[in-house]
């Protein structure tokens, strides 16, 4: 499967979030998945490194706007780079290229990726696919959204989201979903 992984650019090697992302990359690589990341540092680098070390193909979707703003280049574990002209194009390339998406802890960018993926699933712009959020933080964010906006969000909308405590649980869910017919994933 093609797996998009969203996450923060902030964690450094040795930090708990970096190591968690590295483990996720190793697990995805060991399962033989092609891994798509944002291509830069932080958890994107860690996932890319883990997957690459396990022999999986790693695609980094970078962005000219980010390169111009921050001077960033693809991390050394990216084997194939796709440089999108804009941030919006970058996000859409990742969403459109994946069979499933996994989100690690992150900030505004990661939240944007989650929300756009989720909204496209809600309006059936994309075929059903797993959207797995790792860590209690995302469960709290989504729970707060449902609680504070309950008049505007249907309870059934939550069916498109899966929450995992850790990378092992996320990959377990992913492996189960890959054996399930696409029309019954939700």
C-alpha atoms as a PDB file:
ATOM      1  CA  UNK A   1       0.000   0.000   0.000  1.00  0.00           C
ATOM      2  CA  UNK A   2       0.985   3.651  -0.401  1.00  0.00           C
ATOM      3  CA  UNK A   3       0.950   5.176   3.072  1.00  0.00           C
ATOM      4  CA  UNK A   4       1.032   8.945   3.649  1.00  0.00           C
ATOM      5  CA  UNK A   5       2.500   9.908   7.003  1.00  0.00           C
ATOM      6  CA  UNK A   6       1.831  13.384   8.353  1.00  0.00           C
ATOM      7  CA  UNK A   7       3.792  14.826  11.265  1.00  0.00           C
ATOM      8  CA  UNK A   8       5.850  17.595  12.776  1.00  0.00           C
ATOM      9  CA  UNK A   9       9.105  19.004  11.446  1.00  0.00           C
ATOM     10  CA  UNK A  10      10.203  19.958  14.973  1.00  0.00           C
ATOM     11  CA  UNK A  11      11.481  16.727  16.651  1.00  0.00           C
ATOM     12  CA  UNK A  12      15.219  16.040  16.619  1.00  0.00           C
ATOM     13  CA  UNK A  13      17.001  12.678  16.599  1.00  0.00           C
ATOM     14  CA  UNK A  14      16.883  11.110  20.047  1.00  0.00           C
ATOM     15  CA  UNK A  15      13.682  12.860  21.129  1.00  0.00           C
ATOM     16  CA  UNK A  16      10.691  10.641  21.999  1.00  0.00           C
ATOM     17  CA  UNK A  17       8.617  11.920  19.041  1.00  0.00           C
ATOM     18  CA  UNK A  18      11.475  11.329  16.594  1.00  0.00           C
ATOM     19  CA  UNK A  19      12.045   7.811  17.909  1.00  0.00           C
ATOM     20  CA  UNK A  20       8.320   7.034  17.731  1.00  0.00           C
ATOM     21  CA  UNK A  21       8.275   8.193  14.096  1.00  0.00           C
ATOM     22  CA  UNK A  22      11.393   6.140  13.339  1.00  0.00           C
ATOM     23  CA  UNK A  23       9.671   3.055  14.764  1.00  0.00           C
ATOM     24  CA  UNK A  24       6.592   3.768  12.630  1.00  0.00           C
ATOM     25  CA  UNK A  25       8.806   3.965   9.550  1.00  0.00           C
ATOM     26  CA  UNK A  26      10.479   0.660  10.416  1.00  0.00           C
ATOM     27  CA  UNK A  27       7.112  -1.037  10.948  1.00  0.00           C
ATOM     28  CA  UNK A  28       5.720   0.308   7.674  1.00  0.00           C
ATOM     29  CA  UNK A  29       8.916  -0.647   5.865  1.00  0.00           C
ATOM     30  CA  UNK A  30       8.928  -4.125   7.351  1.00  0.00           C
ATOM     31  CA  UNK A  31       5.370  -4.583   6.080  1.00  0.00           C
ATOM     32  CA  UNK A  32       6.526  -3.614   2.571  1.00  0.00           C
ATOM     33  CA  UNK A  33       4.533  -0.399   2.230  1.00  0.00           C
ATOM     34  CA  UNK A  34       5.655   2.537   0.103  1.00  0.00           C
ATOM     35  CA  UNK A  35       5.946   5.506   2.438  1.00  0.00           C
ATOM     36  CA  UNK A  36       5.044   9.069   1.482  1.00  0.00           C
ATOM     37  CA  UNK A  37       6.133  11.906   3.778  1.00  0.00           C
ATOM     38  CA  UNK A  38       6.486  15.661   3.547  1.00  0.00           C
ATOM     39  CA  UNK A  39      10.135  14.934   2.845  1.00  0.00           C
ATOM     40  CA  UNK A  40      11.798  17.297   5.286  1.00  0.00           C
ATOM     41  CA  UNK A  41      13.110  16.916   8.859  1.00  0.00           C
ATOM     42  CA  UNK A  42      11.581  15.970  12.174  1.00  0.00           C
ATOM     43  CA  UNK A  43       9.136  13.085  12.113  1.00  0.00           C
ATOM     44  CA  UNK A  44       9.162  13.140   8.299  1.00  0.00           C
ATOM     45  CA  UNK A  45      12.880  12.347   8.369  1.00  0.00           C
ATOM     46  CA  UNK A  46      12.483   9.736  11.084  1.00  0.00           C
ATOM     47  CA  UNK A  47       9.723   7.860   9.237  1.00  0.00           C
ATOM     48  CA  UNK A  48      11.701   8.069   5.992  1.00  0.00           C
ATOM     49  CA  UNK A  49      14.820   6.727   7.703  1.00  0.00           C
ATOM     50  CA  UNK A  50      13.038   3.804   9.347  1.00  0.00           C
ATOM     51  CA  UNK A  51      11.199   2.778   6.175  1.00  0.00           C
ATOM     52  CA  UNK A  52      14.296   3.132   4.004  1.00  0.00           C
ATOM     53  CA  UNK A  53      16.407   1.054   6.373  1.00  0.00           C
ATOM     54  CA  UNK A  54      13.818  -1.711   6.116  1.00  0.00           C
ATOM     55  CA  UNK A  55      14.039  -1.665   2.312  1.00  0.00           C
ATOM     56  CA  UNK A  56      10.848   0.232   1.497  1.00  0.00           C
ATOM     57  CA  UNK A  57      10.519   2.890  -1.155  1.00  0.00           C
ATOM     58  CA  UNK A  58      10.320   6.395   0.354  1.00  0.00           C
ATOM     59  CA  UNK A  59       8.771   9.297  -1.510  1.00  0.00           C
ATOM     60  CA  UNK A  60       9.157  12.822  -0.190  1.00  0.00           C
ATOM     61  CA  UNK A  61       6.646  15.416  -1.308  1.00  0.00           C
ATOM     62  CA  UNK A  62       8.434  18.693  -0.815  1.00  0.00           C
ATOM     63  CA  UNK A  63       7.227  22.170  -1.687  1.00  0.00           C
ATOM     64  CA  UNK A  64       8.783  25.128  -3.467  1.00  0.00           C
ATOM     65  CA  UNK A  65       7.054  27.563  -1.091  1.00  0.00           C
ATOM     66  CA  UNK A  66       8.645  25.865   1.933  1.00  0.00           C
ATOM     67  CA  UNK A  67      12.032  25.646   0.200  1.00  0.00           C
ATOM     68  CA  UNK A  68      11.872  29.387  -0.554  1.00  0.00           C
ATOM     69  CA  UNK A  69      10.730  30.248   2.984  1.00  0.00           C
ATOM     70  CA  UNK A  70      12.993  27.974   5.012  1.00  0.00           C
ATOM     71  CA  UNK A  71      15.677  26.889   2.563  1.00  0.00           C
ATOM     72  CA  UNK A  72      14.862  23.250   3.327  1.00  0.00           C
ATOM     73  CA  UNK A  73      15.849  20.299   1.205  1.00  0.00           C
ATOM     74  CA  UNK A  74      14.580  16.733   1.172  1.00  0.00           C
ATOM     75  CA  UNK A  75      16.022  14.570   3.926  1.00  0.00           C
ATOM     76  CA  UNK A  76      18.707  12.051   2.914  1.00  0.00           C
ATOM     77  CA  UNK A  77      16.359   9.065   3.290  1.00  0.00           C
ATOM     78  CA  UNK A  78      14.021  10.216   0.513  1.00  0.00           C
ATOM     79  CA  UNK A  79      14.587   8.027  -2.537  1.00  0.00           C
ATOM     80  CA  UNK A  80      12.166   9.843  -4.831  1.00  0.00           C
ATOM     81  CA  UNK A  81      11.267  13.509  -4.471  1.00  0.00           C
ATOM     82  CA  UNK A  82       8.210  15.218  -5.846  1.00  0.00           C
ATOM     83  CA  UNK A  83       8.487  18.996  -5.453  1.00  0.00           C
ATOM     84  CA  UNK A  84       5.042  20.607  -5.524  1.00  0.00           C
ATOM     85  CA  UNK A  85       4.832  24.311  -6.360  1.00  0.00           C
ATOM     86  CA  UNK A  86       2.564  25.219  -3.413  1.00  0.00           C
ATOM     87  CA  UNK A  87       1.719  23.913   0.027  1.00  0.00           C
ATOM     88  CA  UNK A  88      -1.809  23.119  -1.120  1.00  0.00           C
ATOM     89  CA  UNK A  89      -0.464  21.115  -4.076  1.00  0.00           C
ATOM     90  CA  UNK A  90       1.884  19.272  -1.718  1.00  0.00           C
ATOM     91  CA  UNK A  91      -0.926  18.233   0.610  1.00  0.00           C
ATOM     92  CA  UNK A  92      -3.182  17.171  -2.258  1.00  0.00           C
ATOM     93  CA  UNK A  93      -0.381  15.117  -3.857  1.00  0.00           C
ATOM     94  CA  UNK A  94       0.060  13.179  -0.606  1.00  0.00           C
ATOM     95  CA  UNK A  95      -3.677  12.673  -0.090  1.00  0.00           C
ATOM     96  CA  UNK A  96      -4.317  11.655  -3.700  1.00  0.00           C
ATOM     97  CA  UNK A  97      -1.370   9.248  -3.747  1.00  0.00           C
ATOM     98  CA  UNK A  98      -2.161   7.259  -0.626  1.00  0.00           C
ATOM     99  CA  UNK A  99      -4.214   4.185   0.179  1.00  0.00           C
ATOM    100  CA  UNK A 100      -4.137   5.153   3.865  1.00  0.00           C
ATOM    101  CA  UNK A 101      -2.914   8.085   5.951  1.00  0.00           C
ATOM    102  CA  UNK A 102      -1.328   8.107   9.385  1.00  0.00           C
ATOM    103  CA  UNK A 103      -0.813  11.245  11.474  1.00  0.00           C
ATOM    104  CA  UNK A 104       1.827  11.523  14.158  1.00  0.00           C
ATOM    105  CA  UNK A 105       1.754  14.365  16.703  1.00  0.00           C
ATOM    106  CA  UNK A 106       2.153  17.751  15.047  1.00  0.00           C
ATOM    107  CA  UNK A 107       0.993  21.316  14.755  1.00  0.00           C
ATOM    108  CA  UNK A 108      -1.017  23.436  12.332  1.00  0.00           C
ATOM    109  CA  UNK A 109       0.368  21.734   9.222  1.00  0.00           C
ATOM    110  CA  UNK A 110      -0.414  18.256  10.476  1.00  0.00           C
ATOM    111  CA  UNK A 111      -3.867  19.353  11.613  1.00  0.00           C
ATOM    112  CA  UNK A 112      -4.501  20.797   8.140  1.00  0.00           C
ATOM    113  CA  UNK A 113      -3.485  17.501   6.526  1.00  0.00           C
ATOM    114  CA  UNK A 114      -5.767  15.534   8.846  1.00  0.00           C
ATOM    115  CA  UNK A 115      -8.727  17.832   8.340  1.00  0.00           C
ATOM    116  CA  UNK A 116      -8.436  17.958   4.552  1.00  0.00           C
ATOM    117  CA  UNK A 117      -8.079  14.182   4.325  1.00  0.00           C
ATOM    118  CA  UNK A 118     -11.040  13.723   6.660  1.00  0.00           C
ATOM    119  CA  UNK A 119     -13.202  16.251   4.814  1.00  0.00           C
ATOM    120  CA  UNK A 120     -12.475  14.605   1.455  1.00  0.00           C
ATOM    121  CA  UNK A 121     -13.570  11.286   2.958  1.00  0.00           C
ATOM    122  CA  UNK A 122     -16.745  12.898   4.339  1.00  0.00           C
ATOM    123  CA  UNK A 123     -17.783  14.321   0.971  1.00  0.00           C
ATOM    124  CA  UNK A 124     -16.755  11.109  -0.827  1.00  0.00           C
ATOM    125  CA  UNK A 125     -14.217  12.978  -2.977  1.00  0.00           C
ATOM    126  CA  UNK A 126     -11.813  10.111  -2.251  1.00  0.00           C
ATOM    127  CA  UNK A 127     -12.500   6.407  -1.933  1.00  0.00           C
ATOM    128  CA  UNK A 128     -12.743   5.092   1.632  1.00  0.00           C
ATOM    129  CA  UNK A 129      -9.326   4.727   3.247  1.00  0.00           C
ATOM    130  CA  UNK A 130      -7.954   4.512   6.760  1.00  0.00           C
ATOM    131  CA  UNK A 131      -7.082   7.770   8.504  1.00  0.00           C
ATOM    132  CA  UNK A 132      -5.209   6.797  11.656  1.00  0.00           C
ATOM    133  CA  UNK A 133      -4.225   9.371  14.283  1.00  0.00           C
ATOM    134  CA  UNK A 134      -1.436   8.395  16.687  1.00  0.00           C
ATOM    135  CA  UNK A 135      -1.304   9.700  20.248  1.00  0.00           C
ATOM    136  CA  UNK A 136      -3.762  10.915  22.833  1.00  0.00           C
ATOM    137  CA  UNK A 137      -3.340  14.512  21.672  1.00  0.00           C
ATOM    138  CA  UNK A 138      -5.317  13.972  18.466  1.00  0.00           C
ATOM    139  CA  UNK A 139      -8.068  12.170  20.326  1.00  0.00           C
ATOM    140  CA  UNK A 140      -8.331  15.183  22.652  1.00  0.00           C
ATOM    141  CA  UNK A 141      -8.358  17.647  19.734  1.00  0.00           C
ATOM    142  CA  UNK A 142     -11.061  15.744  17.853  1.00  0.00           C
ATOM    143  CA  UNK A 143     -13.043  15.143  21.060  1.00  0.00           C
ATOM    144  CA  UNK A 144     -12.962  18.875  21.803  1.00  0.00           C
ATOM    145  CA  UNK A 145     -14.066  19.649  18.253  1.00  0.00           C
ATOM    146  CA  UNK A 146     -17.019  17.275  18.532  1.00  0.00           C
ATOM    147  CA  UNK A 147     -17.932  18.607  21.963  1.00  0.00           C
ATOM    148  CA  UNK A 148     -17.735  22.301  21.111  1.00  0.00           C
ATOM    149  CA  UNK A 149     -19.226  22.025  17.624  1.00  0.00           C
ATOM    150  CA  UNK A 150     -21.763  19.249  18.225  1.00  0.00           C
ATOM    151  CA  UNK A 151     -24.545  21.110  16.399  1.00  0.00           C
ATOM    152  CA  UNK A 152     -22.430  21.183  13.247  1.00  0.00           C
ATOM    153  CA  UNK A 153     -20.827  17.749  13.134  1.00  0.00           C
ATOM    154  CA  UNK A 154     -22.692  14.498  12.728  1.00  0.00           C
ATOM    155  CA  UNK A 155     -21.723  11.686  15.123  1.00  0.00           C
ATOM    156  CA  UNK A 156     -21.252   9.440  12.058  1.00  0.00           C
ATOM    157  CA  UNK A 157     -18.476  11.758  10.815  1.00  0.00           C
ATOM    158  CA  UNK A 158     -16.156  10.285  13.433  1.00  0.00           C
ATOM    159  CA  UNK A 159     -16.342   6.865  11.739  1.00  0.00           C
ATOM    160  CA  UNK A 160     -13.637   7.952   9.294  1.00  0.00           C
ATOM    161  CA  UNK A 161     -11.078   8.411  12.070  1.00  0.00           C
ATOM    162  CA  UNK A 162      -9.167   5.747  13.946  1.00  0.00           C
ATOM    163  CA  UNK A 163      -7.091   6.488  17.012  1.00  0.00           C
ATOM    164  CA  UNK A 164      -3.974   4.562  17.935  1.00  0.00           C
ATOM    165  CA  UNK A 165      -1.884   4.874  21.080  1.00  0.00           C
ATOM    166  CA  UNK A 166       1.373   4.071  19.324  1.00  0.00           C
ATOM    167  CA  UNK A 167       2.928   3.049  15.985  1.00  0.00           C
ATOM    168  CA  UNK A 168       2.421  -0.663  16.665  1.00  0.00           C
ATOM    169  CA  UNK A 169      -1.318  -0.196  17.145  1.00  0.00           C
ATOM    170  CA  UNK A 170      -1.536   2.026  14.045  1.00  0.00           C
ATOM    171  CA  UNK A 171       0.179  -0.569  11.849  1.00  0.00           C
ATOM    172  CA  UNK A 172      -1.989  -3.311  13.325  1.00  0.00           C
ATOM    173  CA  UNK A 173      -5.068  -1.368  12.301  1.00  0.00           C
ATOM    174  CA  UNK A 174      -3.549  -0.684   8.883  1.00  0.00           C
ATOM    175  CA  UNK A 175      -2.781  -4.365   8.331  1.00  0.00           C
ATOM    176  CA  UNK A 176      -6.356  -5.263   9.262  1.00  0.00           C
ATOM    177  CA  UNK A 177      -7.743  -2.578   6.927  1.00  0.00           C
ATOM    178  CA  UNK A 178      -5.621  -3.821   4.015  1.00  0.00           C
ATOM    179  CA  UNK A 179      -7.346  -7.201   4.294  1.00  0.00           C
ATOM    180  CA  UNK A 180     -10.811  -5.620   4.385  1.00  0.00           C
ATOM    181  CA  UNK A 181     -12.713  -4.722   1.207  1.00  0.00           C
ATOM    182  CA  UNK A 182     -12.455  -0.950   0.579  1.00  0.00           C
ATOM    183  CA  UNK A 183     -16.215  -0.431   0.711  1.00  0.00           C
ATOM    184  CA  UNK A 184     -16.382  -1.703   4.279  1.00  0.00           C
ATOM    185  CA  UNK A 185     -13.601   0.485   5.737  1.00  0.00           C
ATOM    186  CA  UNK A 186     -15.094   3.122   7.970  1.00  0.00           C
END
